[in-house]
Amino acid sequence: MSKKVRSVRVPKELETLNLSGLIRECENHLRDLESATMLKQQGNQEAAEALMKTRQSDLGKKISKLVWEARVQFGKHKGE
């Protein structure tokens, strides 16, 4: 899978957003979706749902942290 991002428009506040990290988190999330699908196909519905709930919460936290870090960097550069 290619990891190159050719063109993305983001607000100035998010210029320093770690896009590679964001893409990596999305890749991990897709891998877990596949795992949950396999669990569901094997008849383990509860485990599949638990995995997805946990992973969605985790993904939200990690993306929020990446956005927060970009905003902090913007604030540091703006104050200079």
PDB file of N, CA and C in Angstrom:
ATOM      1  N   MET A   1       0.844  -1.175   0.000  1.00  0.00           N
ATOM      2  CA  MET A   1       0.000   0.000   0.000  1.00  0.00           C
ATOM      3  C   MET A   1       0.892   1.242   0.000  1.00  0.00           C
ATOM      4  N   SER A   2       0.597   2.155  -0.874  1.00  0.00           N
ATOM      5  CA  SER A   2       1.366   3.382  -0.979  1.00  0.00           C
ATOM      6  C   SER A   2       1.076   4.291   0.207  1.00  0.00           C
ATOM      7  N   LYS A   3       2.088   4.944   0.712  1.00  0.00           N
ATOM      8  CA  LYS A   3       1.917   5.811   1.869  1.00  0.00           C
ATOM      9  C   LYS A   3       2.147   7.272   1.508  1.00  0.00           C
ATOM     10  N   LYS A   4       2.138   7.594   0.228  1.00  0.00           N
ATOM     11  CA  LYS A   4       2.377   8.966  -0.200  1.00  0.00           C
ATOM     12  C   LYS A   4       1.072   9.738  -0.249  1.00  0.00           C
ATOM     13  N   VAL A   5       1.134  10.967   0.198  1.00  0.00           N
ATOM     14  CA  VAL A   5      -0.007  11.868   0.107  1.00  0.00           C
ATOM     15  C   VAL A   5       0.412  12.968  -0.837  1.00  0.00           C
ATOM     16  N   ARG A   6      -0.315  13.146  -1.916  1.00  0.00           N
ATOM     17  CA  ARG A   6       0.092  14.109  -2.931  1.00  0.00           C
ATOM     18  C   ARG A   6      -0.390  15.512  -2.639  1.00  0.00           C
ATOM     19  N   SER A   7      -1.642  15.673  -2.264  1.00  0.00           N
ATOM     20  CA  SER A   7      -2.177  17.005  -2.069  1.00  0.00           C
ATOM     21  C   SER A   7      -3.283  16.972  -1.030  1.00  0.00           C
ATOM     22  N   VAL A   8      -3.117  17.769   0.000  1.00  0.00           N
ATOM     23  CA  VAL A   8      -4.120  17.859   1.042  1.00  0.00           C
ATOM     24  C   VAL A   8      -4.244  19.316   1.438  1.00  0.00           C
ATOM     25  N   ARG A   9      -5.459  19.817   1.537  1.00  0.00           N
ATOM     26  CA  ARG A   9      -5.677  21.188   1.989  1.00  0.00           C
ATOM     27  C   ARG A   9      -6.138  21.139   3.435  1.00  0.00           C
ATOM     28  N   VAL A  10      -5.384  21.791   4.278  1.00  0.00           N
ATOM     29  CA  VAL A  10      -5.720  21.821   5.699  1.00  0.00           C
ATOM     30  C   VAL A  10      -5.655  23.260   6.196  1.00  0.00           C
ATOM     31  N   PRO A  11      -6.386  23.566   7.268  1.00  0.00           N
ATOM     32  CA  PRO A  11      -6.295  24.907   7.841  1.00  0.00           C
ATOM     33  C   PRO A  11      -4.874  25.173   8.339  1.00  0.00           C
ATOM     34  N   LYS A  12      -4.500  26.441   8.415  1.00  0.00           N
ATOM     35  CA  LYS A  12      -3.151  26.797   8.867  1.00  0.00           C
ATOM     36  C   LYS A  12      -2.835  26.183  10.219  1.00  0.00           C
ATOM     37  N   GLU A  13      -3.847  26.078  11.079  1.00  0.00           N
ATOM     38  CA  GLU A  13      -3.637  25.526  12.420  1.00  0.00           C
ATOM     39  C   GLU A  13      -3.161  24.077  12.381  1.00  0.00           C
ATOM     40  N   LEU A  14      -3.440  23.394  11.289  1.00  0.00           N
ATOM     41  CA  LEU A  14      -3.096  21.976  11.191  1.00  0.00           C
ATOM     42  C   LEU A  14      -1.977  21.701  10.188  1.00  0.00           C
ATOM     43  N   GLU A  15      -1.216  22.738   9.817  1.00  0.00           N
ATOM     44  CA  GLU A  15      -0.128  22.541   8.858  1.00  0.00           C
ATOM     45  C   GLU A  15       0.880  21.504   9.320  1.00  0.00           C
ATOM     46  N   THR A  16       1.105  21.422  10.616  1.00  0.00           N
ATOM     47  CA  THR A  16       2.118  20.504  11.135  1.00  0.00           C
ATOM     48  C   THR A  16       1.528  19.151  11.511  1.00  0.00           C
ATOM     49  N   LEU A  17       0.292  18.877  11.104  1.00  0.00           N
ATOM     50  CA  LEU A  17      -0.340  17.601  11.413  1.00  0.00           C
ATOM     51  C   LEU A  17       0.490  16.459  10.835  1.00  0.00           C
ATOM     52  N   ASN A  18       0.711  15.464  11.632  1.00  0.00           N
ATOM     53  CA  ASN A  18       1.490  14.295  11.221  1.00  0.00           C
ATOM     54  C   ASN A  18       0.605  13.409  10.338  1.00  0.00           C
ATOM     55  N   LEU A  19       0.601  13.678   9.036  1.00  0.00           N
ATOM     56  CA  LEU A  19      -0.254  12.925   8.117  1.00  0.00           C
ATOM     57  C   LEU A  19       0.143  11.457   8.028  1.00  0.00           C
ATOM     58  N   SER A  20       1.426  11.176   8.120  1.00  0.00           N
ATOM     59  CA  SER A  20       1.867   9.781   8.082  1.00  0.00           C
ATOM     60  C   SER A  20       1.314   9.023   9.287  1.00  0.00           C
ATOM     61  N   GLY A  21       1.337   9.658  10.440  1.00  0.00           N
ATOM     62  CA  GLY A  21       0.788   9.034  11.641  1.00  0.00           C
ATOM     63  C   GLY A  21      -0.710   8.821  11.531  1.00  0.00           C
ATOM     64  N   LEU A  22      -1.389   9.790  10.938  1.00  0.00           N
ATOM     65  CA  LEU A  22      -2.835   9.681  10.739  1.00  0.00           C
ATOM     66  C   LEU A  22      -3.167   8.517   9.812  1.00  0.00           C
ATOM     67  N   ILE A  23      -2.427   8.399   8.736  1.00  0.00           N
ATOM     68  CA  ILE A  23      -2.636   7.307   7.781  1.00  0.00           C
ATOM     69  C   ILE A  23      -2.330   5.965   8.441  1.00  0.00           C
ATOM     70  N   ARG A  24      -1.277   5.915   9.236  1.00  0.00           N
ATOM     71  CA  ARG A  24      -0.909   4.682   9.943  1.00  0.00           C
ATOM     72  C   ARG A  24      -2.040   4.231  10.867  1.00  0.00           C
ATOM     73  N   GLU A  25      -2.636   5.183  11.590  1.00  0.00           N
ATOM     74  CA  GLU A  25      -3.746   4.848  12.477  1.00  0.00           C
ATOM     75  C   GLU A  25      -4.936   4.315  11.692  1.00  0.00           C
ATOM     76  N   CYS A  26      -5.199   4.908  10.551  1.00  0.00           N
ATOM     77  CA  CYS A  26      -6.305   4.429   9.703  1.00  0.00           C
ATOM     78  C   CYS A  26      -6.017   3.027   9.173  1.00  0.00           C
ATOM     79  N   GLU A  27      -4.771   2.759   8.816  1.00  0.00           N
ATOM     80  CA  GLU A  27      -4.386   1.423   8.363  1.00  0.00           C
ATOM     81  C   GLU A  27      -4.609   0.402   9.469  1.00  0.00           C
ATOM     82  N   ASN A  28      -4.207   0.752  10.687  1.00  0.00           N
ATOM     83  CA  ASN A  28      -4.410  -0.144  11.823  1.00  0.00           C
ATOM     84  C   ASN A  28      -5.895  -0.394  12.054  1.00  0.00           C
ATOM     85  N   HIS A  29      -6.693   0.658  11.903  1.00  0.00           N
ATOM     86  CA  HIS A  29      -8.134   0.530  12.093  1.00  0.00           C
ATOM     87  C   HIS A  29      -8.729  -0.410  11.046  1.00  0.00           C
ATOM     88  N   LEU A  30      -8.289  -0.283   9.809  1.00  0.00           N
ATOM     89  CA  LEU A  30      -8.781  -1.177   8.755  1.00  0.00           C
ATOM     90  C   LEU A  30      -8.387  -2.626   9.026  1.00  0.00           C
ATOM     91  N   ARG A  31      -7.190  -2.832   9.526  1.00  0.00           N
ATOM     92  CA  ARG A  31      -6.752  -4.183   9.874  1.00  0.00           C
ATOM     93  C   ARG A  31      -7.653  -4.771  10.962  1.00  0.00           C
ATOM     94  N   ASP A  32      -8.011  -3.944  11.958  1.00  0.00           N
ATOM     95  CA  ASP A  32      -8.883  -4.416  13.021  1.00  0.00           C
ATOM     96  C   ASP A  32     -10.302  -4.664  12.522  1.00  0.00           C
ATOM     97  N   LEU A  33     -10.742  -3.883  11.529  1.00  0.00           N
ATOM     98  CA  LEU A  33     -12.048  -4.151  10.919  1.00  0.00           C
ATOM     99  C   LEU A  33     -12.065  -5.535  10.271  1.00  0.00           C
ATOM    100  N   GLU A  34     -10.972  -5.858   9.600  1.00  0.00           N
ATOM    101  CA  GLU A  34     -10.863  -7.176   8.976  1.00  0.00           C
ATOM    102  C   GLU A  34     -10.884  -8.279  10.033  1.00  0.00           C
ATOM    103  N   SER A  35     -10.191  -8.042  11.146  1.00  0.00           N
ATOM    104  CA  SER A  35     -10.177  -9.028  12.235  1.00  0.00           C
ATOM    105  C   SER A  35     -11.575  -9.208  12.816  1.00  0.00           C
ATOM    106  N   ALA A  36     -12.289  -8.102  12.994  1.00  0.00           N
ATOM    107  CA  ALA A  36     -13.644  -8.170  13.532  1.00  0.00           C
ATOM    108  C   ALA A  36     -14.570  -8.922  12.570  1.00  0.00           C
ATOM    109  N   THR A  37     -14.374  -8.706  11.273  1.00  0.00           N
ATOM    110  CA  THR A  37     -15.188  -9.418  10.279  1.00  0.00           C
ATOM    111  C   THR A  37     -14.935 -10.913  10.357  1.00  0.00           C
ATOM    112  N   MET A  38     -13.671 -11.293  10.512  1.00  0.00           N
ATOM    113  CA  MET A  38     -13.336 -12.712  10.626  1.00  0.00           C
ATOM    114  C   MET A  38     -13.941 -13.311  11.893  1.00  0.00           C
ATOM    115  N   LEU A  39     -13.865 -12.573  13.004  1.00  0.00           N
ATOM    116  CA  LEU A  39     -14.458 -13.060  14.248  1.00  0.00           C
ATOM    117  C   LEU A  39     -15.965 -13.271  14.085  1.00  0.00           C
ATOM    118  N   LYS A  40     -16.590 -12.323  13.413  1.00  0.00           N
ATOM    119  CA  LYS A  40     -18.037 -12.405  13.190  1.00  0.00           C
ATOM    120  C   LYS A  40     -18.377 -13.627  12.326  1.00  0.00           C
ATOM    121  N   GLN A  41     -17.584 -13.859  11.283  1.00  0.00           N
ATOM    122  CA  GLN A  41     -17.819 -14.999  10.394  1.00  0.00           C
ATOM    123  C   GLN A  41     -17.626 -16.326  11.119  1.00  0.00           C
ATOM    124  N   GLN A  42     -16.762 -16.321  12.118  1.00  0.00           N
ATOM    125  CA  GLN A  42     -16.507 -17.533  12.888  1.00  0.00           C
ATOM    126  C   GLN A  42     -17.542 -17.722  14.001  1.00  0.00           C
ATOM    127  N   GLY A  43     -18.503 -16.807  14.075  1.00  0.00           N
ATOM    128  CA  GLY A  43     -19.578 -16.951  15.044  1.00  0.00           C
ATOM    129  C   GLY A  43     -19.332 -16.275  16.380  1.00  0.00           C
ATOM    130  N   ASN A  44     -18.294 -15.481  16.478  1.00  0.00           N
ATOM    131  CA  ASN A  44     -17.968 -14.819  17.739  1.00  0.00           C
ATOM    132  C   ASN A  44     -18.382 -13.344  17.660  1.00  0.00           C
ATOM    133  N   GLN A  45     -19.680 -13.108  17.627  1.00  0.00           N
ATOM    134  CA  GLN A  45     -20.256 -11.774  17.474  1.00  0.00           C
ATOM    135  C   GLN A  45     -19.839 -10.835  18.611  1.00  0.00           C
ATOM    136  N   GLU A  46     -19.865 -11.322  19.848  1.00  0.00           N
ATOM    137  CA  GLU A  46     -19.534 -10.479  21.002  1.00  0.00           C
ATOM    138  C   GLU A  46     -18.092  -9.986  20.944  1.00  0.00           C
ATOM    139  N   ALA A  47     -17.177 -10.860  20.582  1.00  0.00           N
ATOM    140  CA  ALA A  47     -15.768 -10.470  20.488  1.00  0.00           C
ATOM    141  C   ALA A  47     -15.575  -9.445  19.374  1.00  0.00           C
ATOM    142  N   ALA A  48     -16.272  -9.619  18.259  1.00  0.00           N
ATOM    143  CA  ALA A  48     -16.168  -8.681  17.132  1.00  0.00           C
ATOM    144  C   ALA A  48     -16.657  -7.297  17.553  1.00  0.00           C
ATOM    145  N   GLU A  49     -17.792  -7.257  18.244  1.00  0.00           N
ATOM    146  CA  GLU A  49     -18.330  -5.976  18.689  1.00  0.00           C
ATOM    147  C   GLU A  49     -17.430  -5.313  19.722  1.00  0.00           C
ATOM    148  N   ALA A  50     -16.883  -6.104  20.635  1.00  0.00           N
ATOM    149  CA  ALA A  50     -15.977  -5.556  21.658  1.00  0.00           C
ATOM    150  C   ALA A  50     -14.720  -4.977  21.013  1.00  0.00           C
ATOM    151  N   LEU A  51     -14.175  -5.694  20.036  1.00  0.00           N
ATOM    152  CA  LEU A  51     -12.987  -5.212  19.327  1.00  0.00           C
ATOM    153  C   LEU A  51     -13.273  -3.884  18.645  1.00  0.00           C
ATOM    154  N   MET A  52     -14.413  -3.786  17.967  1.00  0.00           N
ATOM    155  CA  MET A  52     -14.732  -2.561  17.237  1.00  0.00           C
ATOM    156  C   MET A  52     -14.985  -1.388  18.187  1.00  0.00           C
ATOM    157  N   LYS A  53     -15.687  -1.617  19.279  1.00  0.00           N
ATOM    158  CA  LYS A  53     -15.928  -0.530  20.236  1.00  0.00           C
ATOM    159  C   LYS A  53     -14.622  -0.010  20.807  1.00  0.00           C
ATOM    160  N   THR A  54     -13.757  -0.921  21.191  1.00  0.00           N
ATOM    161  CA  THR A  54     -12.465  -0.541  21.757  1.00  0.00           C
ATOM    162  C   THR A  54     -11.624   0.192  20.728  1.00  0.00           C
ATOM    163  N   ARG A  55     -11.565  -0.325  19.525  1.00  0.00           N
ATOM    164  CA  ARG A  55     -10.717   0.271  18.482  1.00  0.00           C
ATOM    165  C   ARG A  55     -11.224   1.633  18.041  1.00  0.00           C
ATOM    166  N   GLN A  56     -12.548   1.805  17.951  1.00  0.00           N
ATOM    167  CA  GLN A  56     -13.095   3.101  17.554  1.00  0.00           C
ATOM    168  C   GLN A  56     -12.765   4.159  18.584  1.00  0.00           C
ATOM    169  N   SER A  57     -12.875   3.801  19.846  1.00  0.00           N
ATOM    170  CA  SER A  57     -12.536   4.739  20.920  1.00  0.00           C
ATOM    171  C   SER A  57     -11.056   5.089  20.865  1.00  0.00           C
ATOM    172  N   ASP A  58     -10.235   4.080  20.658  1.00  0.00           N
ATOM    173  CA  ASP A  58      -8.791   4.267  20.585  1.00  0.00           C
ATOM    174  C   ASP A  58      -8.411   5.138  19.388  1.00  0.00           C
ATOM    175  N   LEU A  59      -9.031   4.893  18.240  1.00  0.00           N
ATOM    176  CA  LEU A  59      -8.749   5.670  17.035  1.00  0.00           C
ATOM    177  C   LEU A  59      -9.095   7.139  17.261  1.00  0.00           C
ATOM    178  N   GLY A  60     -10.242   7.394  17.876  1.00  0.00           N
ATOM    179  CA  GLY A  60     -10.646   8.771  18.160  1.00  0.00           C
ATOM    180  C   GLY A  60      -9.653   9.485  19.050  1.00  0.00           C
ATOM    181  N   LYS A  61      -9.168   8.798  20.072  1.00  0.00           N
ATOM    182  CA  LYS A  61      -8.191   9.396  20.985  1.00  0.00           C
ATOM    183  C   LYS A  61      -6.876   9.708  20.272  1.00  0.00           C
ATOM    184  N   LYS A  62      -6.414   8.769  19.456  1.00  0.00           N
ATOM    185  CA  LYS A  62      -5.132   8.963  18.772  1.00  0.00           C
ATOM    186  C   LYS A  62      -5.199  10.089  17.745  1.00  0.00           C
ATOM    187  N   ILE A  63      -6.310  10.169  17.008  1.00  0.00           N
ATOM    188  CA  ILE A  63      -6.450  11.247  16.029  1.00  0.00           C
ATOM    189  C   ILE A  63      -6.587  12.587  16.739  1.00  0.00           C
ATOM    190  N   SER A  64      -7.342  12.603  17.828  1.00  0.00           N
ATOM    191  CA  SER A  64      -7.476  13.840  18.612  1.00  0.00           C
ATOM    192  C   SER A  64      -6.117  14.315  19.104  1.00  0.00           C
ATOM    193  N   LYS A  65      -5.286  13.386  19.518  1.00  0.00           N
ATOM    194  CA  LYS A  65      -3.949  13.751  20.004  1.00  0.00           C
ATOM    195  C   LYS A  65      -3.115  14.344  18.873  1.00  0.00           C
ATOM    196  N   LEU A  66      -3.188  13.754  17.678  1.00  0.00           N
ATOM    197  CA  LEU A  66      -2.437  14.286  16.543  1.00  0.00           C
ATOM    198  C   LEU A  66      -2.888  15.705  16.209  1.00  0.00           C
ATOM    199  N   VAL A  67      -4.196  15.951  16.236  1.00  0.00           N
ATOM    200  CA  VAL A  67      -4.723  17.290  15.953  1.00  0.00           C
ATOM    201  C   VAL A  67      -4.290  18.260  17.040  1.00  0.00           C
ATOM    202  N   TRP A  68      -4.363  17.834  18.292  1.00  0.00           N
ATOM    203  CA  TRP A  68      -3.952  18.679  19.415  1.00  0.00           C
ATOM    204  C   TRP A  68      -2.478  19.056  19.297  1.00  0.00           C
ATOM    205  N   GLU A  69      -1.624  18.081  18.973  1.00  0.00           N
ATOM    206  CA  GLU A  69      -0.194  18.358  18.823  1.00  0.00           C
ATOM    207  C   GLU A  69       0.059  19.377  17.709  1.00  0.00           C
ATOM    208  N   ALA A  70      -0.681  19.275  16.626  1.00  0.00           N
ATOM    209  CA  ALA A  70      -0.533  20.235  15.520  1.00  0.00           C
ATOM    210  C   ALA A  70      -0.953  21.631  15.971  1.00  0.00           C
ATOM    211  N   ARG A  71      -2.021  21.726  16.743  1.00  0.00           N
ATOM    212  CA  ARG A  71      -2.479  23.027  17.247  1.00  0.00           C
ATOM    213  C   ARG A  71      -1.443  23.632  18.200  1.00  0.00           C
ATOM    214  N   VAL A  72      -0.820  22.814  19.033  1.00  0.00           N
ATOM    215  CA  VAL A  72       0.216  23.297  19.951  1.00  0.00           C
ATOM    216  C   VAL A  72       1.389  23.855  19.150  1.00  0.00           C
ATOM    217  N   GLN A  73       1.816  23.128  18.121  1.00  0.00           N
ATOM    218  CA  GLN A  73       2.922  23.603  17.284  1.00  0.00           C
ATOM    219  C   GLN A  73       2.562  24.916  16.598  1.00  0.00           C
ATOM    220  N   PHE A  74       1.328  25.047  16.132  1.00  0.00           N
ATOM    221  CA  PHE A  74       0.873  26.276  15.497  1.00  0.00           C
ATOM    222  C   PHE A  74       0.952  27.430  16.496  1.00  0.00           C
ATOM    223  N   GLY A  75       0.508  27.181  17.723  1.00  0.00           N
ATOM    224  CA  GLY A  75       0.545  28.196  18.768  1.00  0.00           C
ATOM    225  C   GLY A  75       1.966  28.631  19.084  1.00  0.00           C
ATOM    226  N   LYS A  76       2.900  27.714  19.094  1.00  0.00           N
ATOM    227  CA  LYS A  76       4.306  28.047  19.363  1.00  0.00           C
ATOM    228  C   LYS A  76       4.873  28.914  18.263  1.00  0.00           C
ATOM    229  N   HIS A  77       4.582  28.570  17.006  1.00  0.00           N
ATOM    230  CA  HIS A  77       5.102  29.348  15.882  1.00  0.00           C
ATOM    231  C   HIS A  77       4.420  30.702  15.757  1.00  0.00           C
ATOM    232  N   LYS A  78       3.153  30.757  16.110  1.00  0.00           N
ATOM    233  CA  LYS A  78       2.404  32.002  16.023  1.00  0.00           C
ATOM    234  C   LYS A  78       2.902  32.988  17.070  1.00  0.00           C
ATOM    235  N   GLY A  79       3.310  32.473  18.233  1.00  0.00           N
ATOM    236  CA  GLY A  79       3.777  33.330  19.316  1.00  0.00           C
ATOM    237  C   GLY A  79       5.179  33.871  19.090  1.00  0.00           C
ATOM    238  N   GLU A  80       5.883  33.335  18.160  1.00  0.00           N
ATOM    239  CA  GLU A  80       7.275  33.773  17.924  1.00  0.00           C
ATOM    240  C   GLU A  80       7.341  35.067  17.165  1.00  0.00           C
TER     241      GLU A  80
END
